[in-house]
Amino acid sequence: MTDATVINMVDKAKQALGESAIYDLRRLKVEDQSGSLVISGAVSRFYHKQLAQEILLEFCSSSHEVINTVDVR
């Protein structure tokens, strides 16, 4: 997978979170780390953490995994 493809994948995931109706999701960070999409930040509900992960999975290729480090406060 090329670097441009990974950057595109991260950008699309960031855009999807940024356009969410749920404010907590708009504040999360998405980064590529060694072939994995890492999502970080904090949300107020466990459901929001799960939802963010599901959104990222839509943009992952089969060779990428989502690492969810989001804190629930």
Protein backbone atom coordinates (compact mmCIF):
# COMPACT_ATOMS: atom_id res chain seq x y z
CA MET A 1 0.00 0.00 0.00
CA THR A 2 1.42 3.36 -0.96
CA ASP A 3 1.89 6.28 1.40
CA ALA A 4 -0.64 8.28 -0.62
CA THR A 5 -3.26 5.58 -0.09
CA VAL A 6 -2.64 5.56 3.67
CA ILE A 7 -2.80 9.36 3.84
CA ASN A 8 -6.06 9.30 1.88
CA MET A 9 -7.47 6.68 4.25
CA VAL A 10 -6.53 8.77 7.32
CA ASP A 11 -7.92 11.94 5.74
CA LYS A 12 -11.25 10.27 4.94
CA ALA A 13 -11.52 8.88 8.47
CA LYS A 14 -10.76 12.32 9.97
CA GLN A 15 -13.35 13.91 7.70
CA ALA A 16 -16.02 11.38 8.69
CA LEU A 17 -15.38 11.97 12.39
CA GLY A 18 -15.24 15.74 11.83
CA GLU A 19 -18.66 15.73 10.18
CA SER A 20 -20.29 13.63 12.90
CA ALA A 21 -23.37 14.96 14.68
CA ILE A 22 -21.75 13.77 17.91
CA TYR A 23 -19.44 16.50 19.19
CA ASP A 24 -17.16 14.06 21.07
CA LEU A 25 -16.27 12.32 17.81
CA ARG A 26 -15.27 15.57 16.12
CA ARG A 27 -12.48 16.09 18.67
CA LEU A 28 -10.80 12.70 18.20
CA LYS A 29 -7.43 12.25 16.49
CA VAL A 30 -6.60 9.70 13.80
CA GLU A 31 -3.05 8.75 12.88
CA ASP A 32 -1.30 6.05 10.90
CA GLN A 33 1.26 4.11 12.93
CA SER A 34 3.11 1.31 11.19
CA GLY A 35 0.16 0.20 9.10
CA SER A 36 -2.50 0.66 11.77
CA LEU A 37 -5.03 3.44 12.20
CA VAL A 38 -4.80 4.75 15.76
CA ILE A 39 -7.70 6.72 17.18
CA SER A 40 -7.16 8.74 20.34
CA GLY A 41 -8.76 11.38 22.52
CA ALA A 42 -11.62 11.32 25.01
CA VAL A 43 -15.37 10.86 24.82
CA SER A 44 -18.14 10.97 27.40
CA ARG A 45 -19.73 7.58 26.64
CA PHE A 46 -18.49 4.10 25.85
CA TYR A 47 -20.95 4.01 22.95
CA HIS A 48 -19.13 6.96 21.35
CA LYS A 49 -15.82 5.11 21.65
CA GLN A 50 -17.34 2.11 19.87
CA LEU A 51 -18.97 4.29 17.24
CA ALA A 52 -15.68 6.02 16.43
CA GLN A 53 -14.04 2.63 15.96
CA GLU A 54 -16.79 1.47 13.62
CA ILE A 55 -16.43 4.63 11.55
CA LEU A 56 -12.70 4.03 11.16
CA LEU A 57 -13.25 0.41 10.16
CA GLU A 58 -15.18 1.68 7.13
CA PHE A 59 -12.01 3.32 5.83
CA CYS A 60 -9.50 0.56 6.63
CA SER A 61 -8.18 -1.80 4.07
CA SER A 62 -7.87 -5.46 4.95
CA SER A 63 -4.16 -4.94 5.69
CA HIS A 64 -4.83 -2.26 8.35
CA GLU A 65 -6.20 -2.59 11.83
CA VAL A 66 -7.82 -0.01 14.10
CA ILE A 67 -6.22 0.60 17.47
CA ASN A 68 -8.69 2.37 19.73
CA THR A 69 -6.98 4.26 22.56
CA VAL A 70 -9.92 6.58 23.23
CA ASP A 71 -10.59 7.31 26.93
CA VAL A 72 -14.12 7.37 28.30
CA ARG A 73 -14.56 10.09 30.93
